[in-house]
Amino acid sequence: MATKSVLYMSMSLDGFITGPDDGPGNGLGTGGDRLHAWLGEPVGELPHFAPPGLSGQVFAELIATGAVVVGRKTFEYAGNWGGDHHGVPIFVPTRGNPPQPQSNWVHYVADAATAMREAKAVAGDRNVMVHGADLAQSLLGDGLLDELEIHLTPVLLGDGRRLFGNDRVELELMRVLDAPGVTHMHYRVAS
């Protein structure tokens, strides 16, 4: 099985992945926490969540990834995840001078293509998790994103950060799982 890059993203029905005014200390923006209600309450140690039923199945797939590629803004707004996402290497494309990594898991690299290449190399036969709207748009445009797992939440945020830009990309629906409070939709990027 070839290693795939998979975007995992919670999104509102109107296409937002954060509420308005996202930033450091308010990574999900105002009201954006509702997009992640499907995860349930944090349960302590990593991986922090244990959603029931079909959402638990999707979360287990997410946690089974072998590396993470994340946009720098997303990484910083998320408080750098304390230097550890789920015990796998984290690759952050960074322009200019990178900050000092806060753990051995974090690797700042020059660009998204390098991040993806290095992440796939260390992930082995496991997939690479992708986080961040700008990064996802860049990877889609460069043909470096293989699949998308969208956690569609039945809420309209009205404003915030949109997941998709103006790129035209064909997607093939692979799976739909309807769970309480969320519909998980898995797409393959058509070649």
N, C-alpha and C. Protein backbone atom coordinates (compact mmCIF):
# COMPACT_ATOMS: atom_id res chain seq x y z
N MET A 1 0.84 -1.19 0.00
CA MET A 1 0.00 0.00 0.00
C MET A 1 0.88 1.25 0.00
N ALA A 2 0.64 2.13 -0.92
CA ALA A 2 1.41 3.38 -1.01
C ALA A 2 0.95 4.36 0.07
N THR A 3 1.89 5.08 0.60
CA THR A 3 1.58 6.11 1.58
C THR A 3 0.83 7.24 0.89
N LYS A 4 -0.26 7.70 1.51
CA LYS A 4 -1.06 8.77 0.94
C LYS A 4 -1.03 9.98 1.85
N SER A 5 -1.19 11.14 1.26
CA SER A 5 -1.37 12.38 2.03
C SER A 5 -2.87 12.61 2.15
N VAL A 6 -3.34 12.78 3.38
CA VAL A 6 -4.78 12.91 3.64
C VAL A 6 -5.04 14.15 4.50
N LEU A 7 -5.83 15.06 3.96
CA LEU A 7 -6.27 16.22 4.73
C LEU A 7 -7.41 15.78 5.63
N TYR A 8 -7.29 16.01 6.92
CA TYR A 8 -8.37 15.77 7.88
C TYR A 8 -8.82 17.14 8.37
N MET A 9 -10.10 17.49 8.10
CA MET A 9 -10.52 18.84 8.43
C MET A 9 -11.99 18.88 8.79
N SER A 10 -12.30 19.51 9.93
CA SER A 10 -13.68 19.78 10.30
C SER A 10 -14.10 21.07 9.61
N MET A 11 -15.32 21.08 9.07
CA MET A 11 -15.77 22.23 8.29
C MET A 11 -17.26 22.47 8.52
N SER A 12 -17.65 23.73 8.52
CA SER A 12 -19.07 24.09 8.62
C SER A 12 -19.74 23.89 7.28
N LEU A 13 -21.06 23.85 7.27
CA LEU A 13 -21.81 23.70 6.02
C LEU A 13 -21.53 24.83 5.04
N ASP A 14 -21.17 26.02 5.56
CA ASP A 14 -20.87 27.13 4.66
C ASP A 14 -19.38 27.24 4.34
N GLY A 15 -18.61 26.18 4.61
CA GLY A 15 -17.24 26.09 4.12
C GLY A 15 -16.14 26.65 4.99
N PHE A 16 -16.43 26.97 6.26
CA PHE A 16 -15.41 27.56 7.13
C PHE A 16 -14.79 26.49 8.05
N ILE A 17 -13.49 26.63 8.28
CA ILE A 17 -12.79 25.71 9.19
C ILE A 17 -12.45 26.37 10.52
N THR A 18 -12.66 27.68 10.60
CA THR A 18 -12.58 28.41 11.86
C THR A 18 -13.71 29.43 11.87
N GLY A 19 -14.00 29.93 13.05
CA GLY A 19 -14.88 31.08 13.14
C GLY A 19 -14.06 32.34 12.87
N PRO A 20 -14.71 33.52 12.93
CA PRO A 20 -13.98 34.76 12.71
C PRO A 20 -12.97 35.01 13.83
N ASP A 21 -11.99 35.84 13.53
CA ASP A 21 -10.99 36.28 14.51
C ASP A 21 -10.10 35.16 15.03
N ASP A 22 -9.75 34.19 14.15
CA ASP A 22 -8.81 33.16 14.58
C ASP A 22 -7.43 33.78 14.70
N GLY A 23 -6.65 33.24 15.60
CA GLY A 23 -5.29 33.74 15.83
C GLY A 23 -4.69 33.06 17.03
N PRO A 24 -3.49 33.48 17.41
CA PRO A 24 -2.85 32.89 18.60
C PRO A 24 -3.76 33.03 19.82
N GLY A 25 -3.94 31.95 20.54
CA GLY A 25 -4.81 31.95 21.70
C GLY A 25 -6.28 31.79 21.36
N ASN A 26 -6.62 31.86 20.07
CA ASN A 26 -7.99 31.69 19.60
C ASN A 26 -7.94 30.95 18.26
N GLY A 27 -7.25 29.81 18.28
CA GLY A 27 -6.93 29.08 17.05
C GLY A 27 -8.14 28.69 16.21
N LEU A 28 -9.27 28.41 16.85
CA LEU A 28 -10.47 28.03 16.09
C LEU A 28 -11.39 29.21 15.82
N GLY A 29 -10.98 30.41 16.23
CA GLY A 29 -11.80 31.59 16.02
C GLY A 29 -13.03 31.59 16.92
N THR A 30 -13.78 32.64 16.83
CA THR A 30 -14.99 32.78 17.64
C THR A 30 -16.06 31.80 17.15
N GLY A 31 -16.46 30.89 18.02
CA GLY A 31 -17.48 29.90 17.70
C GLY A 31 -16.98 28.69 16.94
N GLY A 32 -15.70 28.68 16.55
CA GLY A 32 -15.15 27.59 15.77
C GLY A 32 -15.03 26.27 16.51
N ASP A 33 -15.05 26.33 17.84
CA ASP A 33 -14.96 25.10 18.63
C ASP A 33 -16.13 24.16 18.34
N ARG A 34 -17.24 24.71 17.85
CA ARG A 34 -18.41 23.87 17.52
C ARG A 34 -18.10 22.88 16.40
N LEU A 35 -17.10 23.21 15.56
CA LEU A 35 -16.73 22.32 14.46
C LEU A 35 -16.12 21.02 14.94
N HIS A 36 -15.62 21.02 16.16
CA HIS A 36 -14.93 19.85 16.70
C HIS A 36 -15.72 19.16 17.81
N ALA A 37 -16.99 19.52 17.96
CA ALA A 37 -17.82 18.90 19.00
C ALA A 37 -17.94 17.40 18.78
N TRP A 38 -17.81 16.92 17.54
CA TRP A 38 -17.93 15.49 17.25
C TRP A 38 -16.85 14.67 17.95
N LEU A 39 -15.76 15.31 18.34
CA LEU A 39 -14.67 14.61 19.04
C LEU A 39 -15.02 14.29 20.49
N GLY A 40 -15.98 15.02 21.06
CA GLY A 40 -16.31 14.84 22.47
C GLY A 40 -15.36 15.63 23.35
N GLU A 41 -15.41 15.36 24.61
CA GLU A 41 -14.56 16.07 25.58
C GLU A 41 -13.17 15.45 25.61
N PRO A 42 -12.13 16.27 25.82
CA PRO A 42 -10.78 15.71 25.97
C PRO A 42 -10.73 14.72 27.12
N VAL A 43 -9.91 13.69 26.94
CA VAL A 43 -9.85 12.62 27.95
C VAL A 43 -8.48 12.49 28.60
N GLY A 44 -7.66 13.51 28.54
CA GLY A 44 -6.37 13.45 29.23
C GLY A 44 -5.21 13.24 28.30
N GLU A 45 -4.52 12.11 28.46
CA GLU A 45 -3.30 11.83 27.69
C GLU A 45 -3.58 11.76 26.19
N LEU A 46 -2.50 11.91 25.41
CA LEU A 46 -2.64 11.74 23.95
C LEU A 46 -3.27 10.40 23.66
N PRO A 47 -4.19 10.31 22.74
CA PRO A 47 -4.54 11.29 21.71
C PRO A 47 -5.61 12.28 22.11
N HIS A 48 -5.96 12.41 23.35
CA HIS A 48 -6.88 13.40 23.91
C HIS A 48 -8.37 13.17 23.69
N PHE A 49 -8.76 12.39 22.70
CA PHE A 49 -10.18 12.21 22.42
C PHE A 49 -10.51 10.74 22.23
N ALA A 50 -11.77 10.40 22.45
CA ALA A 50 -12.25 9.04 22.24
C ALA A 50 -13.72 9.09 21.82
N PRO A 51 -14.00 9.64 20.62
CA PRO A 51 -15.39 9.72 20.19
C PRO A 51 -15.98 8.33 19.99
N PRO A 52 -17.28 8.19 20.21
CA PRO A 52 -17.92 6.88 20.06
C PRO A 52 -18.30 6.57 18.62
N GLY A 53 -18.60 5.32 18.36
CA GLY A 53 -19.21 4.88 17.10
C GLY A 53 -18.39 5.18 15.86
N LEU A 54 -19.07 5.62 14.81
CA LEU A 54 -18.42 5.89 13.52
C LEU A 54 -17.39 7.01 13.63
N SER A 55 -17.64 8.00 14.47
CA SER A 55 -16.65 9.06 14.67
C SER A 55 -15.39 8.49 15.31
N GLY A 56 -15.55 7.50 16.18
CA GLY A 56 -14.39 6.83 16.76
C GLY A 56 -13.58 6.09 15.71
N GLN A 57 -14.25 5.50 14.74
CA GLN A 57 -13.57 4.81 13.64
C GLN A 57 -12.73 5.81 12.83
N VAL A 58 -13.32 6.95 12.52
CA VAL A 58 -12.61 7.98 11.75
C VAL A 58 -11.44 8.53 12.56
N PHE A 59 -11.65 8.74 13.85
CA PHE A 59 -10.57 9.25 14.70
C PHE A 59 -9.44 8.24 14.79
N ALA A 60 -9.76 6.96 14.86
CA ALA A 60 -8.71 5.93 14.89
C ALA A 60 -7.89 5.95 13.61
N GLU A 61 -8.52 6.18 12.47
CA GLU A 61 -7.80 6.30 11.20
C GLU A 61 -6.87 7.50 11.22
N LEU A 62 -7.36 8.60 11.75
CA LEU A 62 -6.57 9.83 11.86
C LEU A 62 -5.33 9.59 12.72
N ILE A 63 -5.51 8.94 13.84
CA ILE A 63 -4.41 8.69 14.78
C ILE A 63 -3.45 7.61 14.28
N ALA A 64 -3.86 6.83 13.29
CA ALA A 64 -2.99 5.78 12.74
C ALA A 64 -2.01 6.33 11.71
N THR A 65 -2.08 7.63 11.41
CA THR A 65 -1.15 8.21 10.44
C THR A 65 0.27 8.21 11.01
N GLY A 66 1.26 8.18 10.10
CA GLY A 66 2.66 8.05 10.51
C GLY A 66 3.46 9.34 10.55
N ALA A 67 2.87 10.44 10.12
CA ALA A 67 3.52 11.75 10.15
C ALA A 67 2.45 12.81 9.92
N VAL A 68 2.79 14.06 10.24
CA VAL A 68 1.89 15.19 10.06
C VAL A 68 2.62 16.26 9.25
N VAL A 69 1.93 16.83 8.26
CA VAL A 69 2.40 18.03 7.57
C VAL A 69 1.38 19.11 7.88
N VAL A 70 1.84 20.22 8.46
CA VAL A 70 0.94 21.26 8.92
C VAL A 70 1.47 22.62 8.51
N GLY A 71 0.55 23.50 8.10
CA GLY A 71 0.95 24.88 7.80
C GLY A 71 1.42 25.58 9.06
N ARG A 72 2.38 26.47 8.89
CA ARG A 72 2.97 27.14 10.06
C ARG A 72 1.95 27.94 10.86
N LYS A 73 1.06 28.66 10.16
CA LYS A 73 0.05 29.45 10.87
C LYS A 73 -0.84 28.54 11.71
N THR A 74 -1.31 27.46 11.11
CA THR A 74 -2.15 26.51 11.84
C THR A 74 -1.41 25.95 13.03
N PHE A 75 -0.15 25.58 12.82
CA PHE A 75 0.67 25.02 13.89
C PHE A 75 0.82 26.01 15.05
N GLU A 76 1.11 27.25 14.72
CA GLU A 76 1.29 28.26 15.77
C GLU A 76 -0.03 28.59 16.46
N TYR A 77 -1.13 28.71 15.68
CA TYR A 77 -2.42 29.00 16.28
C TYR A 77 -2.88 27.88 17.21
N ALA A 78 -2.44 26.65 16.94
CA ALA A 78 -2.79 25.50 17.78
C ALA A 78 -1.83 25.34 18.95
N GLY A 79 -1.01 26.35 19.20
CA GLY A 79 -0.07 26.28 20.31
C GLY A 79 1.01 25.24 20.09
N ASN A 80 1.31 24.97 18.80
CA ASN A 80 2.33 23.97 18.42
C ASN A 80 2.02 22.59 18.98
N TRP A 81 0.79 22.36 19.39
CA TRP A 81 0.36 21.09 19.97
C TRP A 81 1.31 20.62 21.07
N GLY A 82 1.94 21.56 21.72
CA GLY A 82 2.89 21.20 22.77
C GLY A 82 4.07 20.41 22.23
N GLY A 83 4.32 20.50 20.92
CA GLY A 83 5.44 19.80 20.30
C GLY A 83 5.16 18.35 19.95
N ASP A 84 3.91 17.89 20.13
CA ASP A 84 3.60 16.49 19.87
C ASP A 84 2.14 16.36 19.43
N HIS A 85 1.91 15.85 18.22
CA HIS A 85 0.53 15.66 17.78
C HIS A 85 0.00 14.32 18.26
N HIS A 86 0.55 13.24 17.82
CA HIS A 86 0.16 11.92 18.34
C HIS A 86 1.35 10.96 18.28
N GLY A 87 2.51 11.50 18.68
CA GLY A 87 3.71 10.66 18.76
C GLY A 87 4.35 10.36 17.42
N VAL A 88 4.16 11.24 16.43
CA VAL A 88 4.77 11.05 15.12
C VAL A 88 5.46 12.35 14.70
N PRO A 89 6.40 12.28 13.75
CA PRO A 89 7.07 13.50 13.29
C PRO A 89 6.09 14.50 12.68
N ILE A 90 6.36 15.78 12.94
CA ILE A 90 5.56 16.89 12.43
C ILE A 90 6.46 17.73 11.53
N PHE A 91 6.02 17.96 10.29
CA PHE A 91 6.78 18.75 9.33
C PHE A 91 6.03 20.05 9.05
N VAL A 92 6.73 21.18 9.23
CA VAL A 92 6.13 22.50 9.10
C VAL A 92 6.86 23.28 8.01
N PRO A 93 6.24 23.47 6.83
CA PRO A 93 6.88 24.32 5.82
C PRO A 93 7.01 25.74 6.35
N THR A 94 8.20 26.32 6.21
CA THR A 94 8.49 27.61 6.83
C THR A 94 9.36 28.46 5.92
N ARG A 95 8.91 29.66 5.64
CA ARG A 95 9.74 30.62 4.91
C ARG A 95 10.57 31.40 5.92
N GLY A 96 11.75 31.79 5.54
CA GLY A 96 12.58 32.60 6.43
C GLY A 96 13.20 31.76 7.52
N ASN A 97 13.52 32.42 8.60
CA ASN A 97 14.17 31.75 9.73
C ASN A 97 13.16 30.99 10.57
N PRO A 98 13.33 29.68 10.68
CA PRO A 98 12.40 28.92 11.51
C PRO A 98 12.70 29.11 12.99
N PRO A 99 11.67 29.01 13.81
CA PRO A 99 11.92 29.06 15.25
C PRO A 99 12.63 27.79 15.71
N GLN A 100 13.14 27.83 16.91
CA GLN A 100 13.78 26.65 17.49
C GLN A 100 12.70 25.61 17.77
N PRO A 101 12.83 24.37 17.23
CA PRO A 101 11.81 23.34 17.52
C PRO A 101 11.72 23.08 19.02
N GLN A 102 10.49 22.91 19.51
CA GLN A 102 10.29 22.68 20.94
C GLN A 102 10.33 21.21 21.31
N SER A 103 10.49 20.34 20.31
CA SER A 103 10.62 18.91 20.59
C SER A 103 11.32 18.24 19.42
N ASN A 104 11.73 17.00 19.63
CA ASN A 104 12.36 16.22 18.56
C ASN A 104 11.36 15.80 17.49
N TRP A 105 10.07 15.96 17.75
CA TRP A 105 9.04 15.59 16.77
C TRP A 105 8.89 16.64 15.68
N VAL A 106 9.26 17.89 15.96
CA VAL A 106 8.98 19.01 15.06
C VAL A 106 10.17 19.27 14.13
N HIS A 107 9.87 19.36 12.82
CA HIS A 107 10.89 19.62 11.80
C HIS A 107 10.41 20.75 10.90
N TYR A 108 11.12 21.88 10.92
CA TYR A 108 10.82 22.98 10.02
C TYR A 108 11.57 22.74 8.72
N VAL A 109 10.87 22.85 7.59
CA VAL A 109 11.46 22.60 6.28
C VAL A 109 11.14 23.77 5.35
N ALA A 110 11.84 23.82 4.21
CA ALA A 110 11.78 24.98 3.32
C ALA A 110 10.45 25.18 2.62
N ASP A 111 9.76 24.09 2.25
CA ASP A 111 8.54 24.25 1.46
C ASP A 111 7.63 23.03 1.62
N ALA A 112 6.42 23.14 1.06
CA ALA A 112 5.42 22.08 1.21
C ALA A 112 5.85 20.80 0.53
N ALA A 113 6.49 20.89 -0.64
CA ALA A 113 6.92 19.68 -1.35
C ALA A 113 7.96 18.92 -0.54
N THR A 114 8.91 19.64 0.06
CA THR A 114 9.92 19.00 0.91
C THR A 114 9.26 18.37 2.14
N ALA A 115 8.33 19.10 2.74
CA ALA A 115 7.61 18.58 3.91
C ALA A 115 6.92 17.28 3.57
N MET A 116 6.23 17.24 2.43
CA MET A 116 5.48 16.04 2.06
C MET A 116 6.44 14.88 1.74
N ARG A 117 7.50 15.17 1.02
CA ARG A 117 8.47 14.12 0.68
C ARG A 117 9.07 13.50 1.95
N GLU A 118 9.50 14.35 2.89
CA GLU A 118 10.11 13.85 4.12
C GLU A 118 9.09 13.14 5.01
N ALA A 119 7.87 13.66 5.05
CA ALA A 119 6.83 13.03 5.87
C ALA A 119 6.50 11.64 5.34
N LYS A 120 6.36 11.52 4.02
CA LYS A 120 6.06 10.21 3.43
C LYS A 120 7.21 9.23 3.67
N ALA A 121 8.43 9.73 3.65
CA ALA A 121 9.58 8.84 3.87
C ALA A 121 9.57 8.26 5.28
N VAL A 122 9.22 9.06 6.28
CA VAL A 122 9.23 8.56 7.66
C VAL A 122 7.95 7.83 8.03
N ALA A 123 6.85 8.09 7.30
CA ALA A 123 5.56 7.46 7.64
C ALA A 123 5.54 5.97 7.31
N GLY A 124 6.47 5.52 6.46
CA GLY A 124 6.49 4.11 6.09
C GLY A 124 5.25 3.75 5.30
N ASP A 125 4.53 2.73 5.76
CA ASP A 125 3.32 2.31 5.04
C ASP A 125 2.06 2.98 5.61
N ARG A 126 2.23 3.92 6.52
CA ARG A 126 1.09 4.65 7.08
C ARG A 126 0.90 5.97 6.31
N ASN A 127 -0.29 6.52 6.37
CA ASN A 127 -0.59 7.77 5.67
C ASN A 127 -0.01 8.97 6.40
N VAL A 128 0.03 10.09 5.69
CA VAL A 128 0.47 11.37 6.24
C VAL A 128 -0.75 12.26 6.45
N MET A 129 -0.92 12.76 7.66
CA MET A 129 -2.01 13.67 7.99
C MET A 129 -1.63 15.08 7.56
N VAL A 130 -2.56 15.79 6.93
CA VAL A 130 -2.35 17.17 6.53
C VAL A 130 -3.31 18.05 7.31
N HIS A 131 -2.79 19.20 7.81
CA HIS A 131 -3.59 20.19 8.52
C HIS A 131 -3.29 21.58 7.96
N GLY A 132 -4.32 22.41 7.85
CA GLY A 132 -4.14 23.80 7.46
C GLY A 132 -4.76 24.11 6.11
N ALA A 133 -5.58 25.17 6.06
CA ALA A 133 -6.28 25.53 4.83
C ALA A 133 -5.33 26.01 3.74
N ASP A 134 -4.44 26.94 4.07
CA ASP A 134 -3.52 27.45 3.06
C ASP A 134 -2.62 26.34 2.54
N LEU A 135 -2.14 25.50 3.43
CA LEU A 135 -1.30 24.38 3.03
C LEU A 135 -2.08 23.42 2.14
N ALA A 136 -3.31 23.11 2.51
CA ALA A 136 -4.14 22.20 1.70
C ALA A 136 -4.34 22.76 0.30
N GLN A 137 -4.63 24.05 0.20
CA GLN A 137 -4.81 24.67 -1.11
C GLN A 137 -3.53 24.57 -1.93
N SER A 138 -2.39 24.81 -1.29
CA SER A 138 -1.10 24.72 -1.98
C SER A 138 -0.83 23.30 -2.46
N LEU A 139 -1.05 22.33 -1.58
CA LEU A 139 -0.81 20.93 -1.93
C LEU A 139 -1.75 20.47 -3.05
N LEU A 140 -3.02 20.90 -2.99
CA LEU A 140 -3.97 20.57 -4.06
C LEU A 140 -3.48 21.14 -5.40
N GLY A 141 -3.06 22.39 -5.39
CA GLY A 141 -2.60 23.04 -6.60
C GLY A 141 -1.36 22.41 -7.19
N ASP A 142 -0.51 21.84 -6.31
CA ASP A 142 0.74 21.22 -6.75
C ASP A 142 0.60 19.72 -7.00
N GLY A 143 -0.62 19.19 -6.83
CA GLY A 143 -0.83 17.76 -7.05
C GLY A 143 -0.23 16.88 -5.96
N LEU A 144 -0.07 17.42 -4.75
CA LEU A 144 0.58 16.68 -3.66
C LEU A 144 -0.38 16.22 -2.57
N LEU A 145 -1.68 16.45 -2.77
CA LEU A 145 -2.68 15.98 -1.80
C LEU A 145 -3.47 14.85 -2.45
N ASP A 146 -3.47 13.69 -1.80
CA ASP A 146 -4.10 12.50 -2.38
C ASP A 146 -5.57 12.35 -2.00
N GLU A 147 -5.91 12.65 -0.74
CA GLU A 147 -7.27 12.40 -0.26
C GLU A 147 -7.68 13.47 0.74
N LEU A 148 -8.99 13.61 0.94
CA LEU A 148 -9.55 14.54 1.92
C LEU A 148 -10.58 13.81 2.76
N GLU A 149 -10.50 13.97 4.06
CA GLU A 149 -11.51 13.49 5.00
C GLU A 149 -12.12 14.74 5.61
N ILE A 150 -13.32 15.08 5.15
CA ILE A 150 -14.00 16.28 5.63
C ILE A 150 -15.03 15.87 6.67
N HIS A 151 -14.94 16.48 7.85
CA HIS A 151 -15.89 16.26 8.93
C HIS A 151 -16.89 17.41 8.85
N LEU A 152 -17.97 17.21 8.12
CA LEU A 152 -18.95 18.26 7.86
C LEU A 152 -19.91 18.39 9.04
N THR A 153 -19.88 19.56 9.65
CA THR A 153 -20.65 19.82 10.86
C THR A 153 -21.89 20.65 10.52
N PRO A 154 -23.06 20.29 11.04
CA PRO A 154 -24.29 21.00 10.70
C PRO A 154 -24.42 22.34 11.42
N VAL A 155 -23.55 23.27 11.03
CA VAL A 155 -23.57 24.61 11.59
C VAL A 155 -23.16 25.58 10.48
N LEU A 156 -23.72 26.78 10.53
CA LEU A 156 -23.32 27.86 9.62
C LEU A 156 -22.58 28.90 10.45
N LEU A 157 -21.31 29.11 10.16
CA LEU A 157 -20.52 30.07 10.93
C LEU A 157 -20.64 31.48 10.36
N GLY A 158 -20.90 31.62 9.05
CA GLY A 158 -21.09 32.93 8.45
C GLY A 158 -19.82 33.68 8.14
N ASP A 159 -18.72 33.35 8.82
CA ASP A 159 -17.45 34.05 8.61
C ASP A 159 -16.35 33.21 9.23
N GLY A 160 -15.13 33.50 8.86
CA GLY A 160 -13.99 32.77 9.39
C GLY A 160 -13.01 32.46 8.27
N ARG A 161 -12.26 31.39 8.42
CA ARG A 161 -11.28 30.97 7.42
C ARG A 161 -11.90 29.86 6.58
N ARG A 162 -11.92 30.07 5.27
CA ARG A 162 -12.47 29.07 4.34
C ARG A 162 -11.42 27.99 4.07
N LEU A 163 -11.89 26.77 3.85
CA LEU A 163 -10.98 25.69 3.51
C LEU A 163 -10.51 25.78 2.07
N PHE A 164 -11.41 26.06 1.15
CA PHE A 164 -11.06 26.00 -0.26
C PHE A 164 -10.97 27.39 -0.87
N GLY A 165 -10.04 27.52 -1.82
CA GLY A 165 -9.89 28.76 -2.59
C GLY A 165 -10.64 28.64 -3.89
N ASN A 166 -10.03 29.14 -4.94
CA ASN A 166 -10.68 29.16 -6.25
C ASN A 166 -10.18 28.07 -7.18
N ASP A 167 -9.36 27.15 -6.68
CA ASP A 167 -8.86 26.07 -7.52
C ASP A 167 -10.01 25.17 -7.97
N ARG A 168 -9.88 24.66 -9.17
CA ARG A 168 -10.84 23.69 -9.69
C ARG A 168 -10.18 22.33 -9.64
N VAL A 169 -10.73 21.47 -8.81
CA VAL A 169 -10.17 20.13 -8.59
C VAL A 169 -11.31 19.13 -8.61
N GLU A 170 -11.12 18.05 -9.31
CA GLU A 170 -12.12 16.98 -9.34
C GLU A 170 -11.85 16.02 -8.19
N LEU A 171 -12.91 15.68 -7.46
CA LEU A 171 -12.82 14.75 -6.34
C LEU A 171 -13.74 13.57 -6.58
N GLU A 172 -13.34 12.42 -6.09
CA GLU A 172 -14.18 11.22 -6.16
C GLU A 172 -14.58 10.84 -4.74
N LEU A 173 -15.89 10.78 -4.48
CA LEU A 173 -16.39 10.42 -3.16
C LEU A 173 -16.13 8.93 -2.91
N MET A 174 -15.40 8.63 -1.85
CA MET A 174 -15.04 7.25 -1.52
C MET A 174 -15.92 6.66 -0.41
N ARG A 175 -16.38 7.54 0.53
CA ARG A 175 -17.13 7.03 1.68
C ARG A 175 -17.88 8.18 2.34
N VAL A 176 -19.05 7.86 2.87
CA VAL A 176 -19.83 8.80 3.70
C VAL A 176 -20.24 8.05 4.95
N LEU A 177 -19.91 8.62 6.11
CA LEU A 177 -20.32 8.05 7.39
C LEU A 177 -21.13 9.11 8.13
N ASP A 178 -22.39 8.83 8.37
CA ASP A 178 -23.26 9.76 9.06
C ASP A 178 -23.26 9.41 10.54
N ALA A 179 -22.67 10.28 11.35
CA ALA A 179 -22.57 10.05 12.79
C ALA A 179 -23.31 11.19 13.51
N PRO A 180 -23.60 11.03 14.79
CA PRO A 180 -24.27 12.10 15.52
C PRO A 180 -23.47 13.41 15.46
N GLY A 181 -24.10 14.45 14.94
CA GLY A 181 -23.49 15.78 14.92
C GLY A 181 -22.46 16.01 13.83
N VAL A 182 -22.23 15.04 12.94
CA VAL A 182 -21.21 15.21 11.91
C VAL A 182 -21.41 14.18 10.80
N THR A 183 -21.07 14.57 9.58
CA THR A 183 -21.01 13.63 8.47
C THR A 183 -19.57 13.59 7.99
N HIS A 184 -18.95 12.42 8.07
CA HIS A 184 -17.56 12.24 7.63
C HIS A 184 -17.59 11.83 6.16
N MET A 185 -16.95 12.65 5.31
CA MET A 185 -16.93 12.38 3.88
C MET A 185 -15.48 12.23 3.43
N HIS A 186 -15.17 11.09 2.81
CA HIS A 186 -13.81 10.81 2.37
C HIS A 186 -13.75 10.89 0.85
N TYR A 187 -12.84 11.72 0.35
CA TYR A 187 -12.69 11.94 -1.09
C TYR A 187 -11.28 11.56 -1.54
N ARG A 188 -11.18 11.10 -2.76
CA ARG A 188 -9.89 10.91 -3.43
C ARG A 188 -9.77 12.02 -4.46
N VAL A 189 -8.57 12.62 -4.54
CA VAL A 189 -8.33 13.63 -5.56
C VAL A 189 -8.19 12.89 -6.89
N ALA A 190 -9.05 13.21 -7.84
CA ALA A 190 -9.02 12.54 -9.14
C ALA A 190 -7.79 12.99 -9.93
N SER A 191 -7.18 12.05 -10.66
CA SER A 191 -5.99 12.43 -11.41
C SER A 191 -6.32 12.97 -12.78
